[in-house]
Amino acid sequence: MSRRWASMPRYGVLVGLAVVTAACSSTSVPTRPAPRPTTAPAPGPGSATSPSPTAPPASEPAVRTSPVVPTPPPRDVAPAPRPQSDASSASSVLLEQSRTQRAAGSLPTAKASLERALRLDPNNPEIWLELGEIELQTGNASQASTMARKALSLAGRDNSVAARADRLLRAAE
């Protein structure tokens, strides 16, 4: 070892190593200067041309974007049918169950099944129709008429449901 290092106190060596280590493990990140905007030279006296717009610097490519405008769906195309939910499939099972009960002559149980189906799927026009038909069979024409109107309002483009609702409405009045 050289004399210089041998004569140095031990803590001096440790301090020197700490300084070198700290300098090597610096976490500062060099910053890049921001690009300066370019300007077009001013037209000279007697120049008839107007100044041209400035081009972006070579490091930044010019990007032109157009606004995104949503296109409306075509009007003559019917919307895609929604997937059947669990509530809708359960109401369909209850609707079929009530039809079987009604065919067997058990109107109170058929009505109870339809009311349960209606709680699950209140926008199903067929359930309203079936309930209206049962109400008409039991002699409650005003309630049957109300249910036929509700089914007619929910029928939408379903012509067979609308026709059944019209027939029920005429029979109830």
N, C-alpha and C. Protein backbone atom coordinates (compact mmCIF):
# COMPACT_ATOMS: atom_id res chain seq x y z
N MET A 1 0.84 -1.16 0.00
CA MET A 1 0.00 0.00 0.00
C MET A 1 0.88 1.23 0.00
N SER A 2 0.41 2.28 -0.59
CA SER A 2 1.24 3.48 -0.63
C SER A 2 1.22 4.16 0.72
N ARG A 3 2.21 5.00 0.90
CA ARG A 3 2.34 5.70 2.19
C ARG A 3 1.16 6.63 2.43
N ARG A 4 0.69 7.21 1.37
CA ARG A 4 -0.40 8.17 1.55
C ARG A 4 -1.61 7.49 2.17
N TRP A 5 -2.01 6.36 1.67
CA TRP A 5 -3.17 5.65 2.21
C TRP A 5 -2.87 5.07 3.57
N ALA A 6 -1.63 4.68 3.79
CA ALA A 6 -1.29 4.07 5.06
C ALA A 6 -1.31 5.10 6.18
N SER A 7 -0.99 6.35 5.88
CA SER A 7 -0.95 7.37 6.92
C SER A 7 -2.33 7.99 7.17
N MET A 8 -3.29 7.76 6.31
CA MET A 8 -4.61 8.32 6.48
C MET A 8 -5.35 7.60 7.59
N PRO A 9 -6.02 8.33 8.42
CA PRO A 9 -6.80 7.65 9.46
C PRO A 9 -7.91 6.81 8.81
N ARG A 10 -8.34 5.81 9.48
CA ARG A 10 -9.33 4.89 8.93
C ARG A 10 -10.66 5.56 8.59
N TYR A 11 -11.05 6.47 9.41
CA TYR A 11 -12.34 7.12 9.12
C TYR A 11 -12.27 7.97 7.87
N GLY A 12 -11.13 8.45 7.52
CA GLY A 12 -10.97 9.22 6.29
C GLY A 12 -11.23 8.37 5.07
N VAL A 13 -10.76 7.13 5.13
CA VAL A 13 -10.99 6.21 4.03
C VAL A 13 -12.48 5.90 3.91
N LEU A 14 -13.12 5.72 5.03
CA LEU A 14 -14.55 5.42 5.01
C LEU A 14 -15.36 6.60 4.47
N VAL A 15 -14.97 7.80 4.86
CA VAL A 15 -15.67 8.98 4.37
C VAL A 15 -15.46 9.13 2.86
N GLY A 16 -14.27 8.87 2.43
CA GLY A 16 -13.97 8.96 1.00
C GLY A 16 -14.79 7.96 0.19
N LEU A 17 -14.90 6.73 0.69
CA LEU A 17 -15.70 5.71 0.01
C LEU A 17 -17.18 6.09 0.00
N ALA A 18 -17.65 6.67 1.08
CA ALA A 18 -19.05 7.08 1.15
C ALA A 18 -19.35 8.17 0.13
N VAL A 19 -18.41 9.11 -0.04
CA VAL A 19 -18.61 10.19 -1.00
C VAL A 19 -18.63 9.64 -2.42
N VAL A 20 -17.71 8.73 -2.72
CA VAL A 20 -17.66 8.14 -4.06
C VAL A 20 -18.92 7.33 -4.33
N THR A 21 -19.37 6.57 -3.36
CA THR A 21 -20.58 5.77 -3.52
C THR A 21 -21.79 6.65 -3.72
N ALA A 22 -21.89 7.71 -2.97
CA ALA A 22 -23.03 8.62 -3.11
C ALA A 22 -23.02 9.28 -4.48
N ALA A 23 -21.88 9.61 -4.98
CA ALA A 23 -21.80 10.25 -6.28
C ALA A 23 -22.19 9.29 -7.40
N CYS A 24 -21.87 8.01 -7.23
CA CYS A 24 -22.19 7.01 -8.25
C CYS A 24 -23.66 6.62 -8.26
N SER A 25 -24.30 6.70 -7.12
CA SER A 25 -25.69 6.25 -7.05
C SER A 25 -26.66 7.41 -7.03
N SER A 26 -26.31 8.48 -7.67
CA SER A 26 -27.18 9.64 -7.73
C SER A 26 -28.44 9.28 -8.52
N THR A 27 -29.58 9.77 -8.07
CA THR A 27 -30.85 9.46 -8.74
C THR A 27 -31.37 10.60 -9.59
N SER A 28 -30.58 11.59 -9.80
CA SER A 28 -31.08 12.70 -10.61
C SER A 28 -31.10 12.29 -12.07
N VAL A 29 -32.11 12.74 -12.78
CA VAL A 29 -32.29 12.42 -14.18
C VAL A 29 -31.99 13.67 -14.98
N PRO A 30 -31.14 13.55 -15.97
CA PRO A 30 -30.85 14.74 -16.76
C PRO A 30 -32.11 15.19 -17.49
N THR A 31 -32.32 16.47 -17.54
CA THR A 31 -33.51 16.99 -18.21
C THR A 31 -33.15 17.46 -19.60
N ARG A 32 -34.12 17.33 -20.49
CA ARG A 32 -33.96 17.76 -21.85
C ARG A 32 -34.55 19.16 -21.98
N PRO A 33 -33.86 20.05 -22.63
CA PRO A 33 -34.46 21.37 -22.80
C PRO A 33 -35.68 21.29 -23.71
N ALA A 34 -36.67 22.11 -23.44
CA ALA A 34 -37.89 22.13 -24.24
C ALA A 34 -37.57 22.69 -25.61
N PRO A 35 -38.20 22.15 -26.65
CA PRO A 35 -37.93 22.67 -27.99
C PRO A 35 -38.43 24.11 -28.10
N ARG A 36 -37.63 24.89 -28.76
CA ARG A 36 -38.02 26.29 -28.95
C ARG A 36 -38.95 26.40 -30.14
N PRO A 37 -40.00 27.21 -30.02
CA PRO A 37 -40.89 27.36 -31.16
C PRO A 37 -40.17 28.10 -32.28
N THR A 38 -40.50 27.66 -33.47
CA THR A 38 -39.88 28.31 -34.64
C THR A 38 -40.80 29.41 -35.12
N THR A 39 -40.23 30.44 -35.58
CA THR A 39 -41.03 31.54 -36.10
C THR A 39 -40.62 31.79 -37.54
N ALA A 40 -41.58 32.22 -38.29
CA ALA A 40 -41.30 32.54 -39.70
C ALA A 40 -40.67 33.92 -39.76
N PRO A 41 -39.75 34.10 -40.67
CA PRO A 41 -39.15 35.43 -40.79
C PRO A 41 -40.19 36.43 -41.26
N ALA A 42 -40.09 37.61 -40.76
CA ALA A 42 -41.04 38.65 -41.14
C ALA A 42 -40.79 39.02 -42.60
N PRO A 43 -41.85 39.28 -43.34
CA PRO A 43 -41.66 39.65 -44.74
C PRO A 43 -40.92 40.99 -44.83
N GLY A 44 -40.10 41.04 -45.78
CA GLY A 44 -39.31 42.26 -45.97
C GLY A 44 -40.16 43.39 -46.52
N PRO A 45 -39.64 44.59 -46.50
CA PRO A 45 -40.42 45.70 -47.05
C PRO A 45 -40.64 45.47 -48.54
N GLY A 46 -41.83 45.72 -48.97
CA GLY A 46 -42.16 45.56 -50.37
C GLY A 46 -42.55 44.14 -50.73
N SER A 47 -42.55 43.24 -49.75
CA SER A 47 -42.92 41.85 -50.01
C SER A 47 -44.43 41.75 -50.01
N ALA A 48 -45.00 41.13 -51.02
CA ALA A 48 -46.45 41.03 -51.14
C ALA A 48 -46.98 39.74 -50.53
N THR A 49 -46.12 38.86 -50.13
CA THR A 49 -46.58 37.58 -49.60
C THR A 49 -46.81 37.70 -48.12
N SER A 50 -47.77 36.94 -47.65
CA SER A 50 -48.02 36.92 -46.21
C SER A 50 -47.13 35.86 -45.58
N PRO A 51 -46.86 35.99 -44.29
CA PRO A 51 -46.00 34.99 -43.66
C PRO A 51 -46.65 33.61 -43.68
N SER A 52 -45.84 32.59 -43.90
CA SER A 52 -46.37 31.23 -43.94
C SER A 52 -46.46 30.70 -42.51
N PRO A 53 -47.40 29.81 -42.28
CA PRO A 53 -47.50 29.23 -40.94
C PRO A 53 -46.25 28.41 -40.63
N THR A 54 -45.94 28.34 -39.38
CA THR A 54 -44.72 27.63 -38.99
C THR A 54 -44.99 26.14 -38.96
N ALA A 55 -44.00 25.38 -39.31
CA ALA A 55 -44.08 23.93 -39.27
C ALA A 55 -43.60 23.46 -37.91
N PRO A 56 -44.11 22.34 -37.42
CA PRO A 56 -43.63 21.85 -36.14
C PRO A 56 -42.19 21.38 -36.27
N PRO A 57 -41.45 21.37 -35.17
CA PRO A 57 -40.07 20.91 -35.24
C PRO A 57 -40.01 19.46 -35.70
N ALA A 58 -38.87 19.07 -36.22
CA ALA A 58 -38.70 17.73 -36.78
C ALA A 58 -38.88 16.66 -35.71
N SER A 59 -38.61 16.97 -34.46
CA SER A 59 -38.72 15.96 -33.41
C SER A 59 -40.17 15.68 -33.04
N GLU A 60 -41.10 16.57 -33.37
CA GLU A 60 -42.50 16.38 -33.05
C GLU A 60 -43.29 16.29 -34.34
N PRO A 61 -43.79 15.09 -34.70
CA PRO A 61 -44.53 14.96 -35.95
C PRO A 61 -45.88 15.67 -35.85
N ALA A 62 -46.32 16.24 -36.95
CA ALA A 62 -47.62 16.90 -36.98
C ALA A 62 -48.71 15.84 -37.05
N VAL A 63 -49.66 15.90 -36.15
CA VAL A 63 -50.75 14.94 -36.12
C VAL A 63 -52.05 15.72 -36.20
N ARG A 64 -52.85 15.38 -37.17
CA ARG A 64 -54.15 16.02 -37.30
C ARG A 64 -55.22 15.01 -36.91
N THR A 65 -56.08 15.43 -36.03
CA THR A 65 -57.16 14.55 -35.62
C THR A 65 -58.48 15.20 -35.98
N SER A 66 -59.41 14.38 -36.40
CA SER A 66 -60.74 14.89 -36.69
C SER A 66 -61.64 14.55 -35.52
N PRO A 67 -62.63 15.37 -35.26
CA PRO A 67 -63.52 15.07 -34.13
C PRO A 67 -64.31 13.80 -34.42
N VAL A 68 -64.55 13.02 -33.38
CA VAL A 68 -65.28 11.77 -33.51
C VAL A 68 -66.77 12.09 -33.38
N VAL A 69 -67.49 11.76 -34.41
CA VAL A 69 -68.93 12.00 -34.43
C VAL A 69 -69.62 10.64 -34.47
N PRO A 70 -70.42 10.32 -33.45
CA PRO A 70 -71.08 9.01 -33.47
C PRO A 70 -72.14 8.97 -34.57
N THR A 71 -72.21 7.84 -35.23
CA THR A 71 -73.20 7.69 -36.29
C THR A 71 -74.43 7.03 -35.71
N PRO A 72 -75.61 7.57 -35.98
CA PRO A 72 -76.83 6.97 -35.45
C PRO A 72 -77.12 5.66 -36.17
N PRO A 73 -77.79 4.73 -35.50
CA PRO A 73 -78.13 3.47 -36.16
C PRO A 73 -79.17 3.71 -37.24
N PRO A 74 -79.20 2.86 -38.26
CA PRO A 74 -80.21 3.00 -39.30
C PRO A 74 -81.61 2.90 -38.71
N ARG A 75 -82.54 3.63 -39.27
CA ARG A 75 -83.89 3.68 -38.70
C ARG A 75 -84.75 2.48 -39.09
N ASP A 76 -84.45 1.85 -40.18
CA ASP A 76 -85.30 0.75 -40.63
C ASP A 76 -84.89 -0.60 -40.07
N VAL A 77 -83.84 -0.64 -39.27
CA VAL A 77 -83.36 -1.90 -38.69
C VAL A 77 -83.90 -2.02 -37.27
N ALA A 78 -84.50 -3.15 -36.96
CA ALA A 78 -85.02 -3.38 -35.62
C ALA A 78 -83.85 -3.62 -34.67
N PRO A 79 -83.96 -3.17 -33.42
CA PRO A 79 -82.87 -3.40 -32.47
C PRO A 79 -82.70 -4.90 -32.20
N ALA A 80 -81.47 -5.26 -31.89
CA ALA A 80 -81.18 -6.67 -31.62
C ALA A 80 -81.91 -7.09 -30.34
N PRO A 81 -82.42 -8.31 -30.31
CA PRO A 81 -83.12 -8.75 -29.09
C PRO A 81 -82.14 -8.86 -27.93
N ARG A 82 -82.64 -8.49 -26.76
CA ARG A 82 -81.81 -8.57 -25.57
C ARG A 82 -81.71 -10.02 -25.12
N PRO A 83 -80.57 -10.39 -24.52
CA PRO A 83 -80.48 -11.75 -24.01
C PRO A 83 -81.48 -11.94 -22.87
N GLN A 84 -82.01 -13.13 -22.78
CA GLN A 84 -83.02 -13.40 -21.78
C GLN A 84 -82.38 -13.50 -20.40
N SER A 85 -82.91 -12.75 -19.45
CA SER A 85 -82.36 -12.76 -18.10
C SER A 85 -82.93 -13.93 -17.31
N ASP A 86 -82.37 -14.15 -16.14
CA ASP A 86 -82.87 -15.22 -15.28
C ASP A 86 -84.31 -14.95 -14.84
N ALA A 87 -84.62 -13.68 -14.54
CA ALA A 87 -85.97 -13.33 -14.13
C ALA A 87 -86.96 -13.59 -15.26
N SER A 88 -86.54 -13.27 -16.48
CA SER A 88 -87.41 -13.48 -17.63
C SER A 88 -87.63 -14.97 -17.88
N SER A 89 -86.58 -15.76 -17.74
CA SER A 89 -86.76 -17.20 -17.96
C SER A 89 -87.60 -17.81 -16.84
N ALA A 90 -87.46 -17.30 -15.61
CA ALA A 90 -88.28 -17.80 -14.50
C ALA A 90 -89.74 -17.41 -14.73
N SER A 91 -89.96 -16.20 -15.23
CA SER A 91 -91.35 -15.79 -15.49
C SER A 91 -91.94 -16.61 -16.63
N SER A 92 -91.12 -17.01 -17.60
CA SER A 92 -91.62 -17.86 -18.68
C SER A 92 -92.04 -19.23 -18.16
N VAL A 93 -91.28 -19.76 -17.23
CA VAL A 93 -91.63 -21.05 -16.63
C VAL A 93 -92.94 -20.92 -15.86
N LEU A 94 -93.09 -19.83 -15.10
CA LEU A 94 -94.32 -19.61 -14.35
C LEU A 94 -95.52 -19.40 -15.29
N LEU A 95 -95.28 -18.74 -16.41
CA LEU A 95 -96.35 -18.53 -17.40
C LEU A 95 -96.82 -19.87 -17.95
N GLU A 96 -95.89 -20.74 -18.30
CA GLU A 96 -96.26 -22.07 -18.80
C GLU A 96 -96.96 -22.89 -17.72
N GLN A 97 -96.50 -22.76 -16.49
CA GLN A 97 -97.11 -23.48 -15.37
C GLN A 97 -98.56 -23.01 -15.19
N SER A 98 -98.78 -21.70 -15.30
CA SER A 98 -100.14 -21.19 -15.13
C SER A 98 -101.06 -21.65 -16.26
N ARG A 99 -100.51 -21.77 -17.46
CA ARG A 99 -101.32 -22.26 -18.58
C ARG A 99 -101.77 -23.70 -18.34
N THR A 100 -100.84 -24.48 -17.80
CA THR A 100 -101.17 -25.88 -17.48
C THR A 100 -102.23 -25.93 -16.38
N GLN A 101 -102.08 -25.10 -15.36
CA GLN A 101 -103.05 -25.06 -14.26
C GLN A 101 -104.41 -24.58 -14.74
N ARG A 102 -104.40 -23.61 -15.63
CA ARG A 102 -105.65 -23.07 -16.17
C ARG A 102 -106.35 -24.13 -17.01
N ALA A 103 -105.59 -24.87 -17.81
CA ALA A 103 -106.17 -25.92 -18.65
C ALA A 103 -106.76 -27.03 -17.78
N ALA A 104 -106.17 -27.21 -16.59
CA ALA A 104 -106.68 -28.23 -15.67
C ALA A 104 -107.89 -27.72 -14.90
N GLY A 105 -108.22 -26.43 -15.07
CA GLY A 105 -109.40 -25.87 -14.41
C GLY A 105 -109.10 -25.23 -13.06
N SER A 106 -107.87 -25.11 -12.68
CA SER A 106 -107.50 -24.52 -11.40
C SER A 106 -107.14 -23.04 -11.61
N LEU A 107 -108.17 -22.20 -11.72
CA LEU A 107 -107.96 -20.78 -11.99
C LEU A 107 -107.26 -20.04 -10.84
N PRO A 108 -107.58 -20.31 -9.57
CA PRO A 108 -106.88 -19.58 -8.49
C PRO A 108 -105.37 -19.85 -8.46
N THR A 109 -104.97 -21.10 -8.69
CA THR A 109 -103.53 -21.38 -8.68
C THR A 109 -102.86 -20.83 -9.93
N ALA A 110 -103.57 -20.83 -11.06
CA ALA A 110 -103.02 -20.26 -12.28
C ALA A 110 -102.83 -18.75 -12.10
N LYS A 111 -103.81 -18.10 -11.45
CA LYS A 111 -103.69 -16.67 -11.20
C LYS A 111 -102.53 -16.38 -10.26
N ALA A 112 -102.34 -17.21 -9.24
CA ALA A 112 -101.22 -17.02 -8.29
C ALA A 112 -99.88 -17.17 -9.02
N SER A 113 -99.77 -18.12 -9.92
CA SER A 113 -98.52 -18.30 -10.68
C SER A 113 -98.24 -17.09 -11.57
N LEU A 114 -99.30 -16.55 -12.18
CA LEU A 114 -99.13 -15.37 -13.03
C LEU A 114 -98.75 -14.14 -12.22
N GLU A 115 -99.29 -14.01 -11.04
CA GLU A 115 -98.93 -12.87 -10.19
C GLU A 115 -97.47 -12.95 -9.76
N ARG A 116 -97.00 -14.17 -9.48
CA ARG A 116 -95.57 -14.33 -9.17
C ARG A 116 -94.71 -13.99 -10.39
N ALA A 117 -95.13 -14.42 -11.56
CA ALA A 117 -94.39 -14.12 -12.79
C ALA A 117 -94.38 -12.62 -13.05
N LEU A 118 -95.50 -11.96 -12.75
CA LEU A 118 -95.59 -10.52 -12.95
C LEU A 118 -94.65 -9.76 -12.03
N ARG A 119 -94.45 -10.25 -10.82
CA ARG A 119 -93.48 -9.61 -9.91
C ARG A 119 -92.06 -9.75 -10.44
N LEU A 120 -91.76 -10.84 -11.12
CA LEU A 120 -90.43 -11.05 -11.69
C LEU A 120 -90.22 -10.27 -12.99
N ASP A 121 -91.26 -10.19 -13.80
CA ASP A 121 -91.13 -9.58 -15.13
C ASP A 121 -92.37 -8.73 -15.43
N PRO A 122 -92.45 -7.52 -14.85
CA PRO A 122 -93.66 -6.71 -15.00
C PRO A 122 -93.88 -6.13 -16.39
N ASN A 123 -92.88 -6.21 -17.27
CA ASN A 123 -93.02 -5.66 -18.62
C ASN A 123 -93.30 -6.73 -19.67
N ASN A 124 -93.74 -7.89 -19.24
CA ASN A 124 -94.06 -8.96 -20.17
C ASN A 124 -95.54 -8.87 -20.52
N PRO A 125 -95.88 -8.52 -21.77
CA PRO A 125 -97.30 -8.35 -22.11
C PRO A 125 -98.10 -9.66 -22.08
N GLU A 126 -97.44 -10.79 -22.31
CA GLU A 126 -98.16 -12.07 -22.30
C GLU A 126 -98.68 -12.41 -20.91
N ILE A 127 -97.94 -12.05 -19.88
CA ILE A 127 -98.40 -12.30 -18.51
C ILE A 127 -99.65 -11.46 -18.24
N TRP A 128 -99.63 -10.20 -18.68
CA TRP A 128 -100.80 -9.34 -18.50
C TRP A 128 -102.00 -9.90 -19.26
N LEU A 129 -101.76 -10.42 -20.45
CA LEU A 129 -102.86 -11.01 -21.23
C LEU A 129 -103.46 -12.22 -20.52
N GLU A 130 -102.61 -13.11 -20.05
CA GLU A 130 -103.10 -14.31 -19.37
C GLU A 130 -103.90 -13.94 -18.12
N LEU A 131 -103.39 -12.97 -17.36
CA LEU A 131 -104.13 -12.52 -16.17
C LEU A 131 -105.47 -11.91 -16.56
N GLY A 132 -105.47 -11.12 -17.63
CA GLY A 132 -106.73 -10.53 -18.10
C GLY A 132 -107.73 -11.58 -18.54
N GLU A 133 -107.25 -12.62 -19.20
CA GLU A 133 -108.15 -13.70 -19.62
C GLU A 133 -108.74 -14.44 -18.43
N ILE A 134 -107.92 -14.65 -17.40
CA ILE A 134 -108.43 -15.30 -16.19
C ILE A 134 -109.45 -14.39 -15.49
N GLU A 135 -109.16 -13.09 -15.44
CA GLU A 135 -110.11 -12.15 -14.83
C GLU A 135 -111.43 -12.16 -15.60
N LEU A 136 -111.37 -12.24 -16.91
CA LEU A 136 -112.60 -12.29 -17.71
C LEU A 136 -113.36 -13.59 -17.44
N GLN A 137 -112.64 -14.69 -17.31
CA GLN A 137 -113.28 -15.98 -17.02
C GLN A 137 -113.97 -15.97 -15.66
N THR A 138 -113.41 -15.26 -14.70
CA THR A 138 -113.99 -15.22 -13.34
C THR A 138 -115.05 -14.13 -13.20
N GLY A 139 -115.33 -13.39 -14.31
CA GLY A 139 -116.41 -12.40 -14.28
C GLY A 139 -115.98 -10.99 -13.94
N ASN A 140 -114.71 -10.70 -13.87
CA ASN A 140 -114.23 -9.36 -13.54
C ASN A 140 -113.81 -8.66 -14.84
N ALA A 141 -114.80 -8.15 -15.59
CA ALA A 141 -114.55 -7.57 -16.90
C ALA A 141 -113.76 -6.28 -16.83
N SER A 142 -114.00 -5.45 -15.81
CA SER A 142 -113.28 -4.17 -15.73
C SER A 142 -111.78 -4.41 -15.50
N GLN A 143 -111.47 -5.40 -14.66
CA GLN A 143 -110.05 -5.73 -14.42
C GLN A 143 -109.43 -6.33 -15.67
N ALA A 144 -110.18 -7.14 -16.40
CA ALA A 144 -109.70 -7.73 -17.65
C ALA A 144 -109.42 -6.65 -18.68
N SER A 145 -110.27 -5.63 -18.73
CA SER A 145 -110.07 -4.52 -19.66
C SER A 145 -108.80 -3.74 -19.33
N THR A 146 -108.59 -3.50 -18.03
CA THR A 146 -107.38 -2.78 -17.59
C THR A 146 -106.13 -3.56 -17.96
N MET A 147 -106.14 -4.86 -17.77
CA MET A 147 -104.98 -5.69 -18.08
C MET A 147 -104.75 -5.80 -19.58
N ALA A 148 -105.81 -5.77 -20.36
CA ALA A 148 -105.67 -5.80 -21.82
C ALA A 148 -105.02 -4.51 -22.32
N ARG A 149 -105.42 -3.38 -21.74
CA ARG A 149 -104.79 -2.11 -22.12
C ARG A 149 -103.30 -2.09 -21.76
N LYS A 150 -102.98 -2.64 -20.58
CA LYS A 150 -101.57 -2.70 -20.17
C LYS A 150 -100.78 -3.58 -21.14
N ALA A 151 -101.33 -4.73 -21.51
CA ALA A 151 -100.65 -5.63 -22.46
C ALA A 151 -100.48 -4.95 -23.81
N LEU A 152 -101.50 -4.19 -24.24
CA LEU A 152 -101.43 -3.48 -25.51
C LEU A 152 -100.33 -2.42 -25.48
N SER A 153 -100.17 -1.75 -24.35
CA SER A 153 -99.11 -0.72 -24.25
C SER A 153 -97.72 -1.34 -24.24
N LEU A 154 -97.60 -2.57 -23.77
CA LEU A 154 -96.30 -3.24 -23.71
C LEU A 154 -95.99 -4.07 -24.96
N ALA A 155 -96.97 -4.26 -25.82
CA ALA A 155 -96.80 -5.15 -26.98
C ALA A 155 -95.75 -4.65 -27.96
N GLY A 156 -95.62 -3.35 -28.12
CA GLY A 156 -94.63 -2.82 -29.06
C GLY A 156 -94.95 -3.24 -30.47
N ARG A 157 -93.98 -3.87 -31.14
CA ARG A 157 -94.16 -4.31 -32.54
C ARG A 157 -94.65 -5.75 -32.66
N ASP A 158 -94.95 -6.38 -31.54
CA ASP A 158 -95.42 -7.76 -31.57
C ASP A 158 -96.90 -7.76 -31.94
N ASN A 159 -97.17 -8.02 -33.20
CA ASN A 159 -98.55 -7.94 -33.70
C ASN A 159 -99.45 -9.03 -33.13
N SER A 160 -98.92 -10.20 -32.86
CA SER A 160 -99.77 -11.27 -32.33
C SER A 160 -100.23 -10.94 -30.91
N VAL A 161 -99.35 -10.35 -30.10
CA VAL A 161 -99.74 -9.96 -28.74
C VAL A 161 -100.73 -8.81 -28.81
N ALA A 162 -100.50 -7.86 -29.71
CA ALA A 162 -101.42 -6.72 -29.85
C ALA A 162 -102.80 -7.20 -30.30
N ALA A 163 -102.85 -8.17 -31.20
CA ALA A 163 -104.14 -8.70 -31.66
C ALA A 163 -104.87 -9.41 -30.52
N ARG A 164 -104.15 -10.19 -29.72
CA ARG A 164 -104.78 -10.86 -28.56
C ARG A 164 -105.29 -9.82 -27.57
N ALA A 165 -104.51 -8.75 -27.34
CA ALA A 165 -104.94 -7.71 -26.41
C ALA A 165 -106.19 -7.01 -26.92
N ASP A 166 -106.27 -6.77 -28.23
CA ASP A 166 -107.47 -6.15 -28.81
C ASP A 166 -108.70 -7.04 -28.62
N ARG A 167 -108.54 -8.35 -28.88
CA ARG A 167 -109.65 -9.28 -28.70
C ARG A 167 -110.11 -9.32 -27.24
N LEU A 168 -109.16 -9.32 -26.31
CA LEU A 168 -109.53 -9.34 -24.89
C LEU A 168 -110.24 -8.04 -24.51
N LEU A 169 -109.77 -6.93 -25.02
CA LEU A 169 -110.38 -5.64 -24.73
C LEU A 169 -111.81 -5.59 -25.23
N ARG A 170 -112.05 -6.08 -26.46
CA ARG A 170 -113.41 -6.10 -27.01
C ARG A 170 -114.31 -7.05 -26.23
N ALA A 171 -113.78 -8.18 -25.80
CA ALA A 171 -114.59 -9.14 -25.04
C ALA A 171 -114.93 -8.60 -23.65
N ALA A 172 -114.06 -7.79 -23.08
CA ALA A 172 -114.27 -7.26 -21.72
C ALA A 172 -115.25 -6.10 -21.72
N GLU A 173 -115.42 -5.43 -22.84
CA GLU A 173 -116.30 -4.25 -22.88
C GLU A 173 -117.70 -4.55 -23.29
